C-alpha atoms as a PDB file:
ATOM      1  CA  MET A   1       5.724 -15.191   8.418  1.00  0.00           C
ATOM      2  CA  ALA A   2       5.394 -14.732  12.207  1.00  0.00           C
ATOM      3  CA  LYS A   3       2.394 -14.406  13.988  1.00  0.00           C
ATOM      4  CA  LYS A   4       1.760 -11.082  15.464  1.00  0.00           C
ATOM      5  CA  ALA A   5       1.517 -10.544  18.999  1.00  0.00           C
ATOM      6  CA  ARG A   6      -1.678  -9.578  21.058  1.00  0.00           C
ATOM      7  CA  THR A   7      -1.652  -6.206  22.196  1.00  0.00           C
ATOM      8  CA  PRO A   8      -4.432  -4.424  24.064  1.00  0.00           C
ATOM      9  CA  SER A   9      -7.300  -2.790  22.145  1.00  0.00           C
ATOM     10  CA  PRO A  10      -6.905   0.698  21.025  1.00  0.00           C
ATOM     11  CA  PRO A  11      -8.920   3.591  22.230  1.00  0.00           C
ATOM     12  CA  ARG A  12     -12.030   3.285  20.502  1.00  0.00           C
ATOM     13  CA  LYS A  13     -13.495   0.686  17.778  1.00  0.00           C
ATOM     14  CA  VAL A  14     -12.590   0.958  14.269  1.00  0.00           C
ATOM     15  CA  GLN A  15     -15.398   0.643  11.373  1.00  0.00           C
ATOM     16  CA  ALA A  16     -14.298  -2.554   9.538  1.00  0.00           C
ATOM     17  CA  PRO A  17     -13.643  -2.019   5.883  1.00  0.00           C
ATOM     18  CA  ARG A  18     -15.693  -4.522   3.701  1.00  0.00           C
ATOM     19  CA  GLN A  19     -14.502  -6.916   1.103  1.00  0.00           C
ATOM     20  CA  ARG A  20     -15.483  -6.070  -2.528  1.00  0.00           C
ATOM     21  CA  LYS A  21     -19.168  -8.034  -3.078  1.00  0.00           C
ATOM     22  CA  ASP A  22     -17.853 -10.599  -5.699  1.00  0.00           C
ATOM     23  CA  GLU A  23     -15.528 -11.989  -3.345  1.00  0.00           C
ATOM     24  CA  ARG A  24     -17.851 -12.471  -0.323  1.00  0.00           C
ATOM     25  CA  SER A  25     -17.736 -15.555   1.663  1.00  0.00           C
ATOM     26  CA  ASP A  26     -17.763 -16.563   5.308  1.00  0.00           C
ATOM     27  CA  SER A  27     -13.918 -16.219   5.178  1.00  0.00           C
ATOM     28  CA  ASP A  28     -13.885 -12.763   3.659  1.00  0.00           C
ATOM     29  CA  ARG A  29     -16.709 -11.981   6.308  1.00  0.00           C
ATOM     30  CA  ARG A  30     -14.092 -13.430   9.431  1.00  0.00           C
ATOM     31  CA  LYS A  31     -11.336 -11.578   7.891  1.00  0.00           C
ATOM     32  CA  LEU A  32     -13.572  -8.192   7.950  1.00  0.00           C
ATOM     33  CA  TRP A  33     -14.565  -9.175  11.494  1.00  0.00           C
ATOM     34  CA  ILE A  34     -10.492  -9.360  12.340  1.00  0.00           C
ATOM     35  CA  LEU A  35      -9.741  -6.161  10.918  1.00  0.00           C
ATOM     36  CA  GLY A  36     -12.595  -4.495  13.147  1.00  0.00           C
ATOM     37  CA  GLY A  37     -10.592  -5.625  15.758  1.00  0.00           C
ATOM     38  CA  VAL A  38      -7.396  -3.989  15.061  1.00  0.00           C
ATOM     39  CA  ALA A  39      -5.624  -4.074  18.084  1.00  0.00           C
ATOM     40  CA  ALA A  40      -8.119  -6.937  19.739  1.00  0.00           C
ATOM     41  CA  LEU A  41      -7.180  -9.476  17.469  1.00  0.00           C
ATOM     42  CA  GLY A  42      -3.554  -8.633  17.056  1.00  0.00           C
ATOM     43  CA  LEU A  43      -4.224  -6.796  13.174  1.00  0.00           C
ATOM     44  CA  VAL A  44      -3.409  -4.398  13.172  1.00  0.00           C
ATOM     45  CA  GLY A  45       7.052  11.975   8.583  1.00  0.00           C
ATOM     46  CA  LEU A  46       7.556  15.304   6.364  1.00  0.00           C
ATOM     47  CA  ALA A  47       9.879  16.004   3.158  1.00  0.00           C
ATOM     48  CA  VAL A  48       9.395  16.950  -0.168  1.00  0.00           C
ATOM     49  CA  ALA A  49       8.009  14.914  -3.030  1.00  0.00           C
ATOM     50  CA  ILE A  50      11.260  14.937  -5.604  1.00  0.00           C
ATOM     51  CA  SER A  51      10.737  13.722  -9.590  1.00  0.00           C
ATOM     52  CA  LEU A  52      11.953   9.793 -10.736  1.00  0.00           C
ATOM     53  CA  PHE A  53      15.080  10.948 -11.947  1.00  0.00           C
ATOM     54  CA  ALA A  54      16.266  12.958  -8.855  1.00  0.00           C
ATOM     55  CA  THR A  55      15.926  10.123  -6.467  1.00  0.00           C
ATOM     56  CA  ALA A  56      18.140   7.583  -5.072  1.00  0.00           C
ATOM     57  CA  GLY A  57      16.736   4.393  -6.092  1.00  0.00           C
ATOM     58  CA  GLY A  58      15.372   5.691  -9.375  1.00  0.00           C
ATOM     59  CA  GLY A  59      17.511   4.955 -12.578  1.00  0.00           C
ATOM     60  CA  ALA A  60      17.836   3.100 -15.600  1.00  0.00           C
ATOM     61  CA  ASN A  61      15.499   0.406 -14.170  1.00  0.00           C
ATOM     62  CA  ASP A  62      12.406   2.920 -13.188  1.00  0.00           C
ATOM     63  CA  LYS A  63      12.452   4.255 -16.526  1.00  0.00           C
ATOM     64  CA  GLY A  64      10.371   1.829 -18.261  1.00  0.00           C
ATOM     65  CA  VAL A  65       7.946   1.977 -15.409  1.00  0.00           C
ATOM     66  CA  ALA A  66       7.984   5.988 -16.026  1.00  0.00           C
ATOM     67  CA  ALA A  67       7.358   5.678 -19.595  1.00  0.00           C
ATOM     68  CA  ALA A  68       4.621   2.864 -19.424  1.00  0.00           C
ATOM     69  CA  LEU A  69       2.869   5.303 -16.714  1.00  0.00           C
ATOM     70  CA  ALA A  70       3.337   8.359 -18.550  1.00  0.00           C
ATOM     71  CA  ASN A  71       1.737   6.335 -21.617  1.00  0.00           C
ATOM     72  CA  ALA A  72      -1.320   5.944 -19.696  1.00  0.00           C
ATOM     73  CA  ASN A  73      -1.787   9.514 -18.533  1.00  0.00           C
ATOM     74  CA  CYS A  74      -0.298   9.032 -14.694  1.00  0.00           C
ATOM     75  CA  THR A  75       2.091  11.482 -13.188  1.00  0.00           C
ATOM     76  CA  TYR A  76       4.774   9.327 -11.078  1.00  0.00           C
ATOM     77  CA  ARG A  77       6.502  10.265  -8.373  1.00  0.00           C
ATOM     78  CA  VAL A  78       9.313   8.641  -5.909  1.00  0.00           C
ATOM     79  CA  TYR A  79       9.264   9.771  -2.220  1.00  0.00           C
ATOM     80  CA  PRO A  80      12.609   9.618   0.475  1.00  0.00           C
ATOM     81  CA  SER A  81      11.200   7.119   3.065  1.00  0.00           C
ATOM     82  CA  THR A  82      11.111   9.078   6.288  1.00  0.00           C
ATOM     83  CA  SER A  83      10.643   6.430   8.601  1.00  0.00           C
ATOM     84  CA  GLN A  84       9.917   2.705   9.380  1.00  0.00           C
ATOM     85  CA  ALA A  85       9.066   3.558  12.926  1.00  0.00           C
ATOM     86  CA  HIS A  86       5.766   1.625  14.590  1.00  0.00           C
ATOM     87  CA  VAL A  87       2.506   3.051  16.650  1.00  0.00           C
ATOM     88  CA  THR A  88       0.168   1.278  18.545  1.00  0.00           C
ATOM     89  CA  SER A  89      -2.368   3.482  18.294  1.00  0.00           C
ATOM     90  CA  LEU A  90      -4.929   4.503  15.318  1.00  0.00           C
ATOM     91  CA  GLN A  91      -5.275   7.616  15.981  1.00  0.00           C
ATOM     92  CA  ALA A  92      -1.863   8.792  16.007  1.00  0.00           C
ATOM     93  CA  LYS A  93      -0.895  12.137  14.176  1.00  0.00           C
ATOM     94  CA  ILE A  94       1.322  10.790  11.188  1.00  0.00           C
ATOM     95  CA  LYS A  95       2.481  13.528   8.448  1.00  0.00           C
ATOM     96  CA  TYR A  96       2.903  11.755   5.674  1.00  0.00           C
ATOM     97  CA  ASN A  97       5.390  13.460   2.753  1.00  0.00           C
ATOM     98  CA  SER A  98       3.212  11.603  -0.380  1.00  0.00           C
ATOM     99  CA  PHE A  99      -0.551  11.446  -1.237  1.00  0.00           C
ATOM    100  CA  PRO A 100      -1.459   8.348  -0.594  1.00  0.00           C
ATOM    101  CA  ALA A 101       1.241   7.562   1.863  1.00  0.00           C
ATOM    102  CA  SER A 102       3.935   5.678   0.790  1.00  0.00           C
ATOM    103  CA  ASN A 103       6.423   5.326   3.622  1.00  0.00           C
ATOM    104  CA  GLY A 104       6.889   6.211   7.262  1.00  0.00           C
ATOM    105  CA  THR A 105       5.729   5.545  10.455  1.00  0.00           C
ATOM    106  CA  HIS A 106       2.604   3.213  10.535  1.00  0.00           C
ATOM    107  CA  TYR A 107       0.256   1.515  12.403  1.00  0.00           C
ATOM    108  CA  TYR A 108       1.878  -1.646  14.284  1.00  0.00           C
ATOM    109  CA  GLN A 109      -0.096  -4.102  12.607  1.00  0.00           C
ATOM    110  CA  PRO A 110      -0.790  -4.384   8.834  1.00  0.00           C
ATOM    111  CA  ALA A 111      -4.332  -4.982   7.277  1.00  0.00           C
ATOM    112  CA  PRO A 112      -5.352  -8.437   5.995  1.00  0.00           C
ATOM    113  CA  TRP A 113      -4.411  -8.452   1.637  1.00  0.00           C
ATOM    114  CA  GLY A 114      -7.374  -8.382   0.012  1.00  0.00           C
ATOM    115  CA  ASN A 115      -9.960  -6.241  -1.892  1.00  0.00           C
ATOM    116  CA  TYR A 116     -12.198  -3.736   0.015  1.00  0.00           C
ATOM    117  CA  THR A 117     -15.289  -1.851  -0.200  1.00  0.00           C
ATOM    118  CA  ASP A 118     -14.555   0.599   3.045  1.00  0.00           C
ATOM    119  CA  THR A 119     -11.151   2.682   2.898  1.00  0.00           C
ATOM    120  CA  VAL A 120      -8.668   1.086   5.037  1.00  0.00           C
ATOM    121  CA  PRO A 121      -6.750   3.548   7.111  1.00  0.00           C
ATOM    122  CA  GLN A 122      -3.548   4.971   5.845  1.00  0.00           C
ATOM    123  CA  ILE A 123      -1.494   4.337   8.900  1.00  0.00           C
ATOM    124  CA  VAL A 124      -2.534   1.143   8.529  1.00  0.00           C
ATOM    125  CA  ALA A 125      -1.965   0.558   4.734  1.00  0.00           C
ATOM    126  CA  VAL A 126       1.246   1.772   5.010  1.00  0.00           C
ATOM    127  CA  HIS A 127       2.917  -1.028   7.454  1.00  0.00           C
ATOM    128  CA  ASN A 128       1.729  -3.176   4.263  1.00  0.00           C
ATOM    129  CA  LEU A 129       3.456  -1.071   1.908  1.00  0.00           C
ATOM    130  CA  GLU A 130       6.423  -2.090   4.662  1.00  0.00           C
ATOM    131  CA  HIS A 131       5.941  -5.576   3.860  1.00  0.00           C
ATOM    132  CA  GLY A 132       6.362  -5.138  -0.270  1.00  0.00           C
ATOM    133  CA  GLY A 133       2.435  -4.864  -1.077  1.00  0.00           C
ATOM    134  CA  MET A 134       1.090  -2.695  -3.985  1.00  0.00           C
ATOM    135  CA  LEU A 135      -1.860  -0.761  -2.836  1.00  0.00           C
ATOM    136  CA  ILE A 136      -4.424   0.297  -5.506  1.00  0.00           C
ATOM    137  CA  GLU A 137      -6.343   3.151  -4.056  1.00  0.00           C
ATOM    138  CA  TYR A 138      -9.007   5.059  -5.872  1.00  0.00           C
ATOM    139  CA  GLY A 139     -11.570   7.997  -5.932  1.00  0.00           C
ATOM    140  CA  ASN A 140     -15.120   8.159  -5.284  1.00  0.00           C
ATOM    141  CA  LYS A 141     -15.311   9.804  -8.915  1.00  0.00           C
ATOM    142  CA  VAL A 142     -14.081   6.734 -10.462  1.00  0.00           C
ATOM    143  CA  SER A 143     -15.985   4.764 -13.091  1.00  0.00           C
ATOM    144  CA  LYS A 144     -17.750   1.826 -12.638  1.00  0.00           C
ATOM    145  CA  GLN A 145     -16.067   0.701 -15.546  1.00  0.00           C
ATOM    146  CA  ASP A 146     -12.850   1.129 -13.685  1.00  0.00           C
ATOM    147  CA  LYS A 147     -13.291  -0.356 -11.086  1.00  0.00           C
ATOM    148  CA  ASP A 148     -14.522  -3.411 -12.659  1.00  0.00           C
ATOM    149  CA  ALA A 149     -11.049  -3.244 -14.289  1.00  0.00           C
ATOM    150  CA  ILE A 150      -9.378  -2.919 -10.605  1.00  0.00           C
ATOM    151  CA  ASP A 151     -11.432  -6.040  -9.646  1.00  0.00           C
ATOM    152  CA  ALA A 152     -10.267  -7.826 -12.829  1.00  0.00           C
ATOM    153  CA  PHE A 153      -6.687  -6.728 -12.439  1.00  0.00           C
ATOM    154  CA  TYR A 154      -6.336  -7.804  -8.372  1.00  0.00           C
ATOM    155  CA  ASN A 155      -8.348 -11.268  -9.409  1.00  0.00           C
ATOM    156  CA  ASP A 156      -5.308 -12.353 -11.811  1.00  0.00           C
ATOM    157  CA  ASP A 157      -2.614 -12.000  -9.069  1.00  0.00           C
ATOM    158  CA  ARG A 158      -4.309 -11.417  -5.402  1.00  0.00           C
ATOM    159  CA  ASN A 159      -1.249 -12.064  -3.474  1.00  0.00           C
ATOM    160  CA  ALA A 160       0.258  -8.795  -1.301  1.00  0.00           C
ATOM    161  CA  MET A 161      -2.039  -6.571  -2.874  1.00  0.00           C
ATOM    162  CA  LEU A 162      -4.618  -4.483  -1.231  1.00  0.00           C
ATOM    163  CA  VAL A 163      -7.517  -2.468  -2.830  1.00  0.00           C
ATOM    164  CA  PHE A 164      -9.628  -0.173  -1.400  1.00  0.00           C
ATOM    165  CA  PRO A 165     -11.395   3.182  -2.093  1.00  0.00           C
ATOM    166  CA  LEU A 166     -10.175   6.493  -1.108  1.00  0.00           C
ATOM    167  CA  PRO A 167     -12.978   9.051  -1.309  1.00  0.00           C
ATOM    168  CA  ALA A 168     -10.299  12.255  -1.659  1.00  0.00           C
ATOM    169  CA  LEU A 169      -8.602  10.820  -4.599  1.00  0.00           C
ATOM    170  CA  GLY A 170     -11.845  11.888  -6.313  1.00  0.00           C
ATOM    171  CA  ASN A 171     -11.341  10.705 -10.216  1.00  0.00           C
ATOM    172  CA  LYS A 172      -8.129   9.654  -9.907  1.00  0.00           C
ATOM    173  CA  ILE A 173      -6.085   6.208  -9.202  1.00  0.00           C
ATOM    174  CA  ALA A 174      -3.338   5.570  -7.161  1.00  0.00           C
ATOM    175  CA  PHE A 175      -0.518   2.747  -7.222  1.00  0.00           C
ATOM    176  CA  VAL A 176       1.586   3.051  -4.385  1.00  0.00           C
ATOM    177  CA  ALA A 177       4.600   0.780  -3.157  1.00  0.00           C
ATOM    178  CA  TRP A 178       7.286   1.215  -1.042  1.00  0.00           C
ATOM    179  CA  THR A 179      11.057  -0.152  -2.044  1.00  0.00           C
ATOM    180  CA  ALA A 180      14.210  -0.438  -0.688  1.00  0.00           C
ATOM    181  CA  ASP A 181      17.675  -1.336  -1.994  1.00  0.00           C
ATOM    182  CA  GLU A 182      18.634  -4.458  -0.114  1.00  0.00           C
ATOM    183  CA  SER A 183      22.534  -3.632   0.042  1.00  0.00           C
ATOM    184  CA  LYS A 184      21.646  -0.192   1.146  1.00  0.00           C
ATOM    185  CA  LEU A 185      19.554  -1.677   4.245  1.00  0.00           C
ATOM    186  CA  SER A 186      22.248  -4.047   4.947  1.00  0.00           C
ATOM    187  CA  THR A 187      25.029  -1.249   5.469  1.00  0.00           C
ATOM    188  CA  ASN A 188      22.392   0.954   7.264  1.00  0.00           C
ATOM    189  CA  ARG A 189      24.511   0.672  10.494  1.00  0.00           C
ATOM    190  CA  SER A 190      22.999   4.808  11.222  1.00  0.00           C
ATOM    191  CA  GLY A 191      19.175   3.537  10.462  1.00  0.00           C
ATOM    192  CA  GLY A 192      19.085   6.803   8.143  1.00  0.00           C
ATOM    193  CA  TYR A 193      17.650   4.526   4.749  1.00  0.00           C
ATOM    194  CA  HIS A 194      14.319   3.198   4.918  1.00  0.00           C
ATOM    195  CA  GLY A 195      13.845   3.299   1.261  1.00  0.00           C
ATOM    196  CA  GLU A 196      11.911   5.105  -0.997  1.00  0.00           C
ATOM    197  CA  GLY A 197       7.678   5.635  -1.604  1.00  0.00           C
ATOM    198  CA  ARG A 198       6.423   5.271  -4.992  1.00  0.00           C
ATOM    199  CA  VAL A 199       3.171   6.882  -6.244  1.00  0.00           C
ATOM    200  CA  ALA A 200       1.658   6.770  -9.493  1.00  0.00           C
ATOM    201  CA  ILE A 201      -1.596   9.150  -9.882  1.00  0.00           C
ATOM    202  CA  CYS A 202      -3.886   8.323 -12.970  1.00  0.00           C
ATOM    203  CA  THR A 203      -7.180   9.205 -14.653  1.00  0.00           C
ATOM    204  CA  ARG A 204      -8.156   6.040 -15.524  1.00  0.00           C
ATOM    205  CA  PHE A 205      -7.357   2.754 -15.366  1.00  0.00           C
ATOM    206  CA  ASP A 206      -4.747   0.922 -17.743  1.00  0.00           C
ATOM    207  CA  GLY A 207      -3.796  -2.685 -17.196  1.00  0.00           C
ATOM    208  CA  ASP A 208      -0.467  -2.702 -18.764  1.00  0.00           C
ATOM    209  CA  ALA A 209       0.504   0.349 -16.500  1.00  0.00           C
ATOM    210  CA  ALA A 210      -0.684  -1.490 -13.454  1.00  0.00           C
ATOM    211  CA  ALA A 211       0.827  -4.627 -14.284  1.00  0.00           C
ATOM    212  CA  THR A 212       4.035  -2.974 -15.188  1.00  0.00           C
ATOM    213  CA  PHE A 213       4.174  -1.133 -11.448  1.00  0.00           C
ATOM    214  CA  ARG A 214       3.429  -4.533 -10.019  1.00  0.00           C
ATOM    215  CA  SER A 215       5.972  -6.368 -11.271  1.00  0.00           C
ATOM    216  CA  ARG A 216       8.581  -3.913 -10.864  1.00  0.00           C
ATOM    217  CA  PHE A 217       7.830  -2.814  -7.263  1.00  0.00           C
ATOM    218  CA  ARG A 218       5.785  -5.413  -5.660  1.00  0.00           C
ATOM    219  CA  GLY A 219       7.678  -7.443  -3.305  1.00  0.00           C
ATOM    220  CA  LYS A 220      10.301  -4.783  -2.559  1.00  0.00           C
ATOM    221  CA  GLY A 221       9.768  -3.412   0.605  1.00  0.00           C
ATOM    222  CA  PRO A 222      12.004  -2.434   3.920  1.00  0.00           C
ATOM    223  CA  GLU A 223      11.020  -5.638   5.935  1.00  0.00           C
ATOM    224  CA  ARG A 224      10.075  -7.692   3.020  1.00  0.00           C
ATOM    225  CA  PHE A 225       8.281 -10.787   2.940  1.00  0.00           C
ATOM    226  CA  PRO A 226       8.035 -13.032  -0.044  1.00  0.00           C
ATOM    227  CA  VAL A 227       5.155 -12.410  -2.114  1.00  0.00           C
ATOM    228  CA  SER A 228       3.961 -15.648  -2.167  1.00  0.00           C
ATOM    229  CA  VAL A 229       2.902 -15.841   1.554  1.00  0.00           C
ATOM    230  CA  LEU A 230       0.963 -12.549   1.700  1.00  0.00           C
ATOM    231  CA  LYS A 231      -1.918 -14.242   0.552  1.00  0.00           C
ATOM    232  CA  PRO A 232      -5.591 -12.664   0.716  1.00  0.00           C
ATOM    233  CA  GLY A 233      -6.815 -12.847   4.059  1.00  0.00           C
ATOM    234  CA  THR A 234      -3.288 -12.897   5.815  1.00  0.00           C
END
């Protein structure tokens, strides 16, 4: 993956998210400092939600995912992507068509892949989605048991994974991905097709449902990279 270009610093300093304590190392601390520096180190809208079966890019291959998520008490929605545009300010006001954000205009650099104890800004995390990552976001009322299960799931297969708290989710857990049909992208001369944002909101963490979501949607972004190169810290 090509090294990101250096650009001027944003208007104000952004607080660095912290990695999960059970994974903290000197290398991890350097990653956090990188994210805290955001632009200085080159780091880093509106449509109606539609249901799975009404969205282009849904279909038979999604039915197994929908069933697994339903069995885990999750709701699942697919959103038409609005844009792949980049902005150079973390203060840019972007109105996303899903919560958590699953597609659309975003900051020009993604966050380093990892498992954080602080929130990663949505405007940054969307860039990770564009590259084919899976996000797991959880609210401030999620149980320690579920948090531990999320950590274990992340540690089992960490590439192209971004995990962090999103307090506004409350007692809910979200799985998020941004996918695109490569054949549509290749014939998209007018630039009108940018794929689909996919969001599952769950009342508890279910490892089977998370694994199904990850196996189906990770690595399928509109500006995708091989999952093998999207390692923690990169």
